[in-house]
Amino acid sequence: MDTTESSMTNLFLQLGLPAEKHEIADFIRMHQLPEDVRVSEAAFWNEGQRQFLREEWVEDADWAIVVDEFNEALHADAVAARLANEMGSE
């Protein structure tokens, strides 16, 4: 049984990524995704990382909440652009 606390820092460690706060922020800033790309399907993951994200999301495991937060962060620019476009067309 995995007793690792589900947090963004630990998610990055699970994915084998640098996990300091500024490194997490930099990663999110530099890896923004279009709205139609699932976090687990992003081109920058290796197969192990992709599988971990997919499984944790599908199983609605303890990690699912953190993966969801990560997903939202990686789509923030695309969502903001869509909302700005929608507001501009009103």
PDB file of N, CA and C in Angstrom:
ATOM      1  N   MET A   1       0.850  -1.181   0.000  1.00  0.00           N
ATOM      2  CA  MET A   1       0.000   0.000   0.000  1.00  0.00           C
ATOM      3  C   MET A   1       0.893   1.241   0.000  1.00  0.00           C
ATOM      4  N   ASP A   2       0.566   2.173  -0.886  1.00  0.00           N
ATOM      5  CA  ASP A   2       1.336   3.409  -0.994  1.00  0.00           C
ATOM      6  C   ASP A   2       0.839   4.392   0.060  1.00  0.00           C
ATOM      7  N   THR A   3       1.743   4.820   0.942  1.00  0.00           N
ATOM      8  CA  THR A   3       1.354   5.760   2.000  1.00  0.00           C
ATOM      9  C   THR A   3       1.942   7.144   1.750  1.00  0.00           C
ATOM     10  N   THR A   4       2.443   7.384   0.536  1.00  0.00           N
ATOM     11  CA  THR A   4       2.994   8.691   0.185  1.00  0.00           C
ATOM     12  C   THR A   4       1.877   9.721   0.154  1.00  0.00           C
ATOM     13  N   GLU A   5       2.107  10.845   0.827  1.00  0.00           N
ATOM     14  CA  GLU A   5       1.112  11.910   0.832  1.00  0.00           C
ATOM     15  C   GLU A   5       0.925  12.428  -0.590  1.00  0.00           C
ATOM     16  N   SER A   6      -0.336  12.544  -1.005  1.00  0.00           N
ATOM     17  CA  SER A   6      -0.643  13.056  -2.331  1.00  0.00           C
ATOM     18  C   SER A   6      -0.546  14.577  -2.313  1.00  0.00           C
ATOM     19  N   SER A   7       0.527  15.095  -2.886  1.00  0.00           N
ATOM     20  CA  SER A   7       0.720  16.543  -2.999  1.00  0.00           C
ATOM     21  C   SER A   7       1.381  16.813  -4.335  1.00  0.00           C
ATOM     22  N   MET A   8       1.379  18.056  -4.777  1.00  0.00           N
ATOM     23  CA  MET A   8       2.001  18.397  -6.052  1.00  0.00           C
ATOM     24  C   MET A   8       3.497  18.059  -6.017  1.00  0.00           C
ATOM     25  N   THR A   9       4.149  18.358  -4.905  1.00  0.00           N
ATOM     26  CA  THR A   9       5.570  18.034  -4.783  1.00  0.00           C
ATOM     27  C   THR A   9       5.793  16.540  -4.938  1.00  0.00           C
ATOM     28  N   ASN A  10       5.007  15.739  -4.248  1.00  0.00           N
ATOM     29  CA  ASN A  10       5.170  14.291  -4.333  1.00  0.00           C
ATOM     30  C   ASN A  10       4.753  13.744  -5.697  1.00  0.00           C
ATOM     31  N   LEU A  11       3.787  14.391  -6.346  1.00  0.00           N
ATOM     32  CA  LEU A  11       3.428  13.989  -7.707  1.00  0.00           C
ATOM     33  C   LEU A  11       4.628  14.165  -8.629  1.00  0.00           C
ATOM     34  N   PHE A  12       5.293  15.307  -8.522  1.00  0.00           N
ATOM     35  CA  PHE A  12       6.475  15.548  -9.344  1.00  0.00           C
ATOM     36  C   PHE A  12       7.567  14.536  -9.038  1.00  0.00           C
ATOM     37  N   LEU A  13       7.737  14.199  -7.776  1.00  0.00           N
ATOM     38  CA  LEU A  13       8.723  13.179  -7.418  1.00  0.00           C
ATOM     39  C   LEU A  13       8.337  11.822  -8.002  1.00  0.00           C
ATOM     40  N   GLN A  14       7.058  11.471  -7.954  1.00  0.00           N
ATOM     41  CA  GLN A  14       6.575  10.208  -8.526  1.00  0.00           C
ATOM     42  C   GLN A  14       6.832  10.164 -10.034  1.00  0.00           C
ATOM     43  N   LEU A  15       6.722  11.328 -10.683  1.00  0.00           N
ATOM     44  CA  LEU A  15       6.938  11.409 -12.125  1.00  0.00           C
ATOM     45  C   LEU A  15       8.420  11.520 -12.484  1.00  0.00           C
ATOM     46  N   GLY A  16       9.281  11.600 -11.462  1.00  0.00           N
ATOM     47  CA  GLY A  16      10.713  11.712 -11.705  1.00  0.00           C
ATOM     48  C   GLY A  16      11.144  13.095 -12.157  1.00  0.00           C
ATOM     49  N   LEU A  17      10.390  14.101 -11.738  1.00  0.00           N
ATOM     50  CA  LEU A  17      10.675  15.484 -12.125  1.00  0.00           C
ATOM     51  C   LEU A  17      11.232  16.272 -10.953  1.00  0.00           C
ATOM     52  N   PRO A  18      11.986  17.338 -11.233  1.00  0.00           N
ATOM     53  CA  PRO A  18      12.434  18.224 -10.155  1.00  0.00           C
ATOM     54  C   PRO A  18      11.206  18.761  -9.408  1.00  0.00           C
ATOM     55  N   ALA A  19      11.273  18.831  -8.084  1.00  0.00           N
ATOM     56  CA  ALA A  19      10.065  19.080  -7.300  1.00  0.00           C
ATOM     57  C   ALA A  19      10.143  20.277  -6.359  1.00  0.00           C
ATOM     58  N   GLU A  20      11.122  21.148  -6.544  1.00  0.00           N
ATOM     59  CA  GLU A  20      11.129  22.388  -5.759  1.00  0.00           C
ATOM     60  C   GLU A  20       9.987  23.265  -6.256  1.00  0.00           C
ATOM     61  N   LYS A  21       9.454  24.113  -5.394  1.00  0.00           N
ATOM     62  CA  LYS A  21       8.304  24.947  -5.772  1.00  0.00           C
ATOM     63  C   LYS A  21       8.550  25.721  -7.067  1.00  0.00           C
ATOM     64  N   HIS A  22       9.722  26.337  -7.199  1.00  0.00           N
ATOM     65  CA  HIS A  22       9.993  27.103  -8.416  1.00  0.00           C
ATOM     66  C   HIS A  22      10.129  26.201  -9.641  1.00  0.00           C
ATOM     67  N   GLU A  23      10.597  24.969  -9.453  1.00  0.00           N
ATOM     68  CA  GLU A  23      10.715  24.029 -10.565  1.00  0.00           C
ATOM     69  C   GLU A  23       9.344  23.555 -11.029  1.00  0.00           C
ATOM     70  N   ILE A  24       8.448  23.356 -10.091  1.00  0.00           N
ATOM     71  CA  ILE A  24       7.069  22.983 -10.425  1.00  0.00           C
ATOM     72  C   ILE A  24       6.413  24.121 -11.193  1.00  0.00           C
ATOM     73  N   ALA A  25       6.546  25.341 -10.693  1.00  0.00           N
ATOM     74  CA  ALA A  25       5.962  26.508 -11.366  1.00  0.00           C
ATOM     75  C   ALA A  25       6.542  26.674 -12.769  1.00  0.00           C
ATOM     76  N   ASP A  26       7.847  26.500 -12.915  1.00  0.00           N
ATOM     77  CA  ASP A  26       8.485  26.609 -14.230  1.00  0.00           C
ATOM     78  C   ASP A  26       7.967  25.540 -15.179  1.00  0.00           C
ATOM     79  N   PHE A  27       7.847  24.314 -14.697  1.00  0.00           N
ATOM     80  CA  PHE A  27       7.361  23.220 -15.534  1.00  0.00           C
ATOM     81  C   PHE A  27       5.951  23.537 -16.039  1.00  0.00           C
ATOM     82  N   ILE A  28       5.095  23.958 -15.142  1.00  0.00           N
ATOM     83  CA  ILE A  28       3.711  24.260 -15.512  1.00  0.00           C
ATOM     84  C   ILE A  28       3.674  25.411 -16.516  1.00  0.00           C
ATOM     85  N   ARG A  29       4.466  26.425 -16.285  1.00  0.00           N
ATOM     86  CA  ARG A  29       4.490  27.575 -17.191  1.00  0.00           C
ATOM     87  C   ARG A  29       4.985  27.177 -18.586  1.00  0.00           C
ATOM     88  N   MET A  30       5.972  26.305 -18.644  1.00  0.00           N
ATOM     89  CA  MET A  30       6.588  25.946 -19.924  1.00  0.00           C
ATOM     90  C   MET A  30       5.883  24.788 -20.651  1.00  0.00           C
ATOM     91  N   HIS A  31       4.908  24.156 -20.012  1.00  0.00           N
ATOM     92  CA  HIS A  31       4.252  22.987 -20.611  1.00  0.00           C
ATOM     93  C   HIS A  31       2.736  23.139 -20.697  1.00  0.00           C
ATOM     94  N   GLN A  32       2.273  24.330 -20.970  1.00  0.00           N
ATOM     95  CA  GLN A  32       0.836  24.546 -21.104  1.00  0.00           C
ATOM     96  C   GLN A  32       0.277  23.720 -22.267  1.00  0.00           C
ATOM     97  N   LEU A  33      -0.927  23.190 -22.076  1.00  0.00           N
ATOM     98  CA  LEU A  33      -1.564  22.314 -23.052  1.00  0.00           C
ATOM     99  C   LEU A  33      -2.818  22.937 -23.642  1.00  0.00           C
ATOM    100  N   PRO A  34      -3.141  22.588 -24.876  1.00  0.00           N
ATOM    101  CA  PRO A  34      -4.439  22.970 -25.430  1.00  0.00           C
ATOM    102  C   PRO A  34      -5.548  22.268 -24.633  1.00  0.00           C
ATOM    103  N   GLU A  35      -6.725  22.844 -24.646  1.00  0.00           N
ATOM    104  CA  GLU A  35      -7.821  22.264 -23.855  1.00  0.00           C
ATOM    105  C   GLU A  35      -8.169  20.838 -24.262  1.00  0.00           C
ATOM    106  N   ASP A  36      -7.956  20.478 -25.521  1.00  0.00           N
ATOM    107  CA  ASP A  36      -8.367  19.158 -25.996  1.00  0.00           C
ATOM    108  C   ASP A  36      -7.309  18.067 -25.778  1.00  0.00           C
ATOM    109  N   VAL A  37      -6.214  18.375 -25.103  1.00  0.00           N
ATOM    110  CA  VAL A  37      -5.170  17.385 -24.829  1.00  0.00           C
ATOM    111  C   VAL A  37      -5.222  17.006 -23.352  1.00  0.00           C
ATOM    112  N   ARG A  38      -5.486  15.742 -23.091  1.00  0.00           N
ATOM    113  CA  ARG A  38      -5.503  15.257 -21.717  1.00  0.00           C
ATOM    114  C   ARG A  38      -4.102  15.307 -21.134  1.00  0.00           C
ATOM    115  N   VAL A  39      -4.019  15.564 -19.854  1.00  0.00           N
ATOM    116  CA  VAL A  39      -2.712  15.646 -19.201  1.00  0.00           C
ATOM    117  C   VAL A  39      -1.911  14.361 -19.416  1.00  0.00           C
ATOM    118  N   SER A  40      -2.570  13.222 -19.372  1.00  0.00           N
ATOM    119  CA  SER A  40      -1.860  11.947 -19.536  1.00  0.00           C
ATOM    120  C   SER A  40      -1.451  11.688 -20.984  1.00  0.00           C
ATOM    121  N   GLU A  41      -1.964  12.456 -21.916  1.00  0.00           N
ATOM    122  CA  GLU A  41      -1.639  12.253 -23.330  1.00  0.00           C
ATOM    123  C   GLU A  41      -0.653  13.288 -23.869  1.00  0.00           C
ATOM    124  N   ALA A  42      -0.146  14.152 -23.017  1.00  0.00           N
ATOM    125  CA  ALA A  42       0.810  15.168 -23.461  1.00  0.00           C
ATOM    126  C   ALA A  42       2.054  14.498 -24.028  1.00  0.00           C
ATOM    127  N   ALA A  43       2.595  15.104 -25.074  1.00  0.00           N
ATOM    128  CA  ALA A  43       3.733  14.526 -25.797  1.00  0.00           C
ATOM    129  C   ALA A  43       5.013  14.477 -24.964  1.00  0.00           C
ATOM    130  N   PHE A  44       5.099  15.271 -23.911  1.00  0.00           N
ATOM    131  CA  PHE A  44       6.345  15.345 -23.154  1.00  0.00           C
ATOM    132  C   PHE A  44       6.523  14.244 -22.116  1.00  0.00           C
ATOM    133  N   TRP A  45       5.536  13.363 -21.928  1.00  0.00           N
ATOM    134  CA  TRP A  45       5.671  12.266 -20.963  1.00  0.00           C
ATOM    135  C   TRP A  45       6.306  11.049 -21.603  1.00  0.00           C
ATOM    136  N   ASN A  46       7.035  10.279 -20.791  1.00  0.00           N
ATOM    137  CA  ASN A  46       7.441   8.957 -21.265  1.00  0.00           C
ATOM    138  C   ASN A  46       6.292   7.990 -20.928  1.00  0.00           C
ATOM    139  N   GLU A  47       6.372   6.763 -21.393  1.00  0.00           N
ATOM    140  CA  GLU A  47       5.254   5.832 -21.215  1.00  0.00           C
ATOM    141  C   GLU A  47       4.954   5.545 -19.739  1.00  0.00           C
ATOM    142  N   GLY A  48       5.972   5.442 -18.896  1.00  0.00           N
ATOM    143  CA  GLY A  48       5.745   5.203 -17.473  1.00  0.00           C
ATOM    144  C   GLY A  48       5.012   6.347 -16.803  1.00  0.00           C
ATOM    145  N   GLN A  49       5.400   7.577 -17.125  1.00  0.00           N
ATOM    146  CA  GLN A  49       4.732   8.755 -16.570  1.00  0.00           C
ATOM    147  C   GLN A  49       3.281   8.811 -17.050  1.00  0.00           C
ATOM    148  N   ARG A  50       3.094   8.565 -18.336  1.00  0.00           N
ATOM    149  CA  ARG A  50       1.752   8.588 -18.935  1.00  0.00           C
ATOM    150  C   ARG A  50       0.855   7.547 -18.261  1.00  0.00           C
ATOM    151  N   GLN A  51       1.388   6.355 -18.073  1.00  0.00           N
ATOM    152  CA  GLN A  51       0.615   5.282 -17.441  1.00  0.00           C
ATOM    153  C   GLN A  51       0.249   5.644 -16.008  1.00  0.00           C
ATOM    154  N   PHE A  52       1.192   6.187 -15.245  1.00  0.00           N
ATOM    155  CA  PHE A  52       0.910   6.581 -13.864  1.00  0.00           C
ATOM    156  C   PHE A  52      -0.231   7.604 -13.822  1.00  0.00           C
ATOM    157  N   LEU A  53      -0.139   8.647 -14.634  1.00  0.00           N
ATOM    158  CA  LEU A  53      -1.176   9.687 -14.637  1.00  0.00           C
ATOM    159  C   LEU A  53      -2.530   9.111 -15.044  1.00  0.00           C
ATOM    160  N   ARG A  54      -2.538   8.280 -16.066  1.00  0.00           N
ATOM    161  CA  ARG A  54      -3.786   7.679 -16.546  1.00  0.00           C
ATOM    162  C   ARG A  54      -4.414   6.794 -15.476  1.00  0.00           C
ATOM    163  N   GLU A  55      -3.602   5.935 -14.878  1.00  0.00           N
ATOM    164  CA  GLU A  55      -4.130   5.007 -13.870  1.00  0.00           C
ATOM    165  C   GLU A  55      -4.651   5.741 -12.648  1.00  0.00           C
ATOM    166  N   GLU A  56      -3.922   6.718 -12.178  1.00  0.00           N
ATOM    167  CA  GLU A  56      -4.355   7.444 -10.983  1.00  0.00           C
ATOM    168  C   GLU A  56      -5.635   8.222 -11.250  1.00  0.00           C
ATOM    169  N   TRP A  57      -5.778   8.735 -12.447  1.00  0.00           N
ATOM    170  CA  TRP A  57      -6.988   9.486 -12.819  1.00  0.00           C
ATOM    171  C   TRP A  57      -8.181   8.534 -12.918  1.00  0.00           C
ATOM    172  N   VAL A  58      -8.015   7.439 -13.645  1.00  0.00           N
ATOM    173  CA  VAL A  58      -9.102   6.485 -13.885  1.00  0.00           C
ATOM    174  C   VAL A  58      -9.552   5.815 -12.599  1.00  0.00           C
ATOM    175  N   GLU A  59      -8.608   5.441 -11.758  1.00  0.00           N
ATOM    176  CA  GLU A  59      -8.936   4.736 -10.525  1.00  0.00           C
ATOM    177  C   GLU A  59      -9.504   5.655  -9.456  1.00  0.00           C
ATOM    178  N   ASP A  60      -9.515   6.965  -9.741  1.00  0.00           N
ATOM    179  CA  ASP A  60      -9.964   7.949  -8.757  1.00  0.00           C
ATOM    180  C   ASP A  60      -9.249   7.701  -7.425  1.00  0.00           C
ATOM    181  N   ALA A  61      -7.971   7.402  -7.532  1.00  0.00           N
ATOM    182  CA  ALA A  61      -7.132   7.114  -6.374  1.00  0.00           C
ATOM    183  C   ALA A  61      -6.842   8.402  -5.600  1.00  0.00           C
ATOM    184  N   ASP A  62      -6.105   8.250  -4.501  1.00  0.00           N
ATOM    185  CA  ASP A  62      -5.731   9.418  -3.702  1.00  0.00           C
ATOM    186  C   ASP A  62      -5.033  10.475  -4.553  1.00  0.00           C
ATOM    187  N   TRP A  63      -4.298  10.015  -5.545  1.00  0.00           N
ATOM    188  CA  TRP A  63      -3.571  10.941  -6.412  1.00  0.00           C
ATOM    189  C   TRP A  63      -4.497  11.701  -7.357  1.00  0.00           C
ATOM    190  N   ALA A  64      -5.719  11.232  -7.570  1.00  0.00           N
ATOM    191  CA  ALA A  64      -6.616  11.825  -8.568  1.00  0.00           C
ATOM    192  C   ALA A  64      -6.841  13.315  -8.324  1.00  0.00           C
ATOM    193  N   ILE A  65      -6.954  13.720  -7.085  1.00  0.00           N
ATOM    194  CA  ILE A  65      -7.180  15.134  -6.773  1.00  0.00           C
ATOM    195  C   ILE A  65      -5.977  15.968  -7.198  1.00  0.00           C
ATOM    196  N   VAL A  66      -4.781  15.477  -6.911  1.00  0.00           N
ATOM    197  CA  VAL A  66      -3.567  16.208  -7.276  1.00  0.00           C
ATOM    198  C   VAL A  66      -3.378  16.191  -8.786  1.00  0.00           C
ATOM    199  N   VAL A  67      -3.653  15.054  -9.434  1.00  0.00           N
ATOM    200  CA  VAL A  67      -3.559  14.983 -10.895  1.00  0.00           C
ATOM    201  C   VAL A  67      -4.550  15.955 -11.521  1.00  0.00           C
ATOM    202  N   ASP A  68      -5.741  16.069 -10.950  1.00  0.00           N
ATOM    203  CA  ASP A  68      -6.737  17.015 -11.444  1.00  0.00           C
ATOM    204  C   ASP A  68      -6.236  18.458 -11.295  1.00  0.00           C
ATOM    205  N   GLU A  69      -5.646  18.786 -10.164  1.00  0.00           N
ATOM    206  CA  GLU A  69      -5.085  20.127  -9.965  1.00  0.00           C
ATOM    207  C   GLU A  69      -3.966  20.399 -10.971  1.00  0.00           C
ATOM    208  N   PHE A  70      -3.129  19.401 -11.211  1.00  0.00           N
ATOM    209  CA  PHE A  70      -2.044  19.508 -12.177  1.00  0.00           C
ATOM    210  C   PHE A  70      -2.619  19.713 -13.578  1.00  0.00           C
ATOM    211  N   ASN A  71      -3.644  18.941 -13.911  1.00  0.00           N
ATOM    212  CA  ASN A  71      -4.329  19.067 -15.192  1.00  0.00           C
ATOM    213  C   ASN A  71      -4.854  20.490 -15.380  1.00  0.00           C
ATOM    214  N   GLU A  72      -5.526  21.018 -14.386  1.00  0.00           N
ATOM    215  CA  GLU A  72      -6.055  22.380 -14.462  1.00  0.00           C
ATOM    216  C   GLU A  72      -4.935  23.397 -14.649  1.00  0.00           C
ATOM    217  N   ALA A  73      -3.844  23.223 -13.943  1.00  0.00           N
ATOM    218  CA  ALA A  73      -2.716  24.154 -14.061  1.00  0.00           C
ATOM    219  C   ALA A  73      -2.110  24.114 -15.463  1.00  0.00           C
ATOM    220  N   LEU A  74      -2.011  22.917 -16.043  1.00  0.00           N
ATOM    221  CA  LEU A  74      -1.431  22.785 -17.377  1.00  0.00           C
ATOM    222  C   LEU A  74      -2.355  23.309 -18.474  1.00  0.00           C
ATOM    223  N   HIS A  75      -3.627  23.480 -18.176  1.00  0.00           N
ATOM    224  CA  HIS A  75      -4.593  24.001 -19.145  1.00  0.00           C
ATOM    225  C   HIS A  75      -5.007  25.449 -18.857  1.00  0.00           C
ATOM    226  N   ALA A  76      -4.402  26.072 -17.876  1.00  0.00           N
ATOM    227  CA  ALA A  76      -4.822  27.412 -17.438  1.00  0.00           C
ATOM    228  C   ALA A  76      -4.764  28.443 -18.554  1.00  0.00           C
ATOM    229  N   ASP A  77      -3.696  28.454 -19.340  1.00  0.00           N
ATOM    230  CA  ASP A  77      -3.576  29.438 -20.418  1.00  0.00           C
ATOM    231  C   ASP A  77      -4.646  29.230 -21.487  1.00  0.00           C
ATOM    232  N   ALA A  78      -4.901  27.980 -21.858  1.00  0.00           N
ATOM    233  CA  ALA A  78      -5.905  27.688 -22.883  1.00  0.00           C
ATOM    234  C   ALA A  78      -7.306  28.068 -22.407  1.00  0.00           C
ATOM    235  N   VAL A  79      -7.609  27.789 -21.161  1.00  0.00           N
ATOM    236  CA  VAL A  79      -8.921  28.143 -20.608  1.00  0.00           C
ATOM    237  C   VAL A  79      -9.065  29.662 -20.542  1.00  0.00           C
ATOM    238  N   ALA A  80      -8.024  30.342 -20.089  1.00  0.00           N
ATOM    239  CA  ALA A  80      -8.067  31.807 -20.006  1.00  0.00           C
ATOM    240  C   ALA A  80      -8.255  32.424 -21.387  1.00  0.00           C
ATOM    241  N   ALA A  81      -7.580  31.889 -22.390  1.00  0.00           N
ATOM    242  CA  ALA A  81      -7.711  32.410 -23.755  1.00  0.00           C
ATOM    243  C   ALA A  81      -9.121  32.195 -24.280  1.00  0.00           C
ATOM    244  N   ARG A  82      -9.689  31.016 -24.023  1.00  0.00           N
ATOM    245  CA  ARG A  82     -11.058  30.743 -24.473  1.00  0.00           C
ATOM    246  C   ARG A  82     -12.043  31.683 -23.799  1.00  0.00           C
ATOM    247  N   LEU A  83     -11.900  31.862 -22.496  1.00  0.00           N
ATOM    248  CA  LEU A  83     -12.811  32.746 -21.765  1.00  0.00           C
ATOM    249  C   LEU A  83     -12.677  34.192 -22.239  1.00  0.00           C
ATOM    250  N   ALA A  84     -11.472  34.629 -22.500  1.00  0.00           N
ATOM    251  CA  ALA A  84     -11.255  35.988 -23.005  1.00  0.00           C
ATOM    252  C   ALA A  84     -11.892  36.147 -24.368  1.00  0.00           C
ATOM    253  N   ASN A  85     -11.784  35.121 -25.198  1.00  0.00           N
ATOM    254  CA  ASN A  85     -12.397  35.151 -26.526  1.00  0.00           C
ATOM    255  C   ASN A  85     -13.914  35.194 -26.422  1.00  0.00           C
ATOM    256  N   GLU A  86     -14.462  34.398 -25.519  1.00  0.00           N
ATOM    257  CA  GLU A  86     -15.909  34.378 -25.315  1.00  0.00           C
ATOM    258  C   GLU A  86     -16.408  35.724 -24.799  1.00  0.00           C
ATOM    259  N   MET A  87     -15.662  36.345 -23.905  1.00  0.00           N
ATOM    260  CA  MET A  87     -16.051  37.642 -23.373  1.00  0.00           C
ATOM    261  C   MET A  87     -15.971  38.720 -24.460  1.00  0.00           C
ATOM    262  N   GLY A  88     -15.004  38.600 -25.344  1.00  0.00           N
ATOM    263  CA  GLY A  88     -14.834  39.555 -26.416  1.00  0.00           C
ATOM    264  C   GLY A  88     -15.895  39.452 -27.480  1.00  0.00           C
ATOM    265  N   SER A  89     -16.528  38.289 -27.593  1.00  0.00           N
ATOM    266  CA  SER A  89     -17.536  38.105 -28.630  1.00  0.00           C
ATOM    267  C   SER A  89     -18.956  38.414 -28.129  1.00  0.00           C
ATOM    268  N   GLU A  90     -19.071  38.822 -26.898  1.00  0.00           N
ATOM    269  CA  GLU A  90     -20.409  39.159 -26.355  1.00  0.00           C
ATOM    270  C   GLU A  90     -20.810  40.560 -26.704  1.00  0.00           C
TER     271      GLU A  90
END
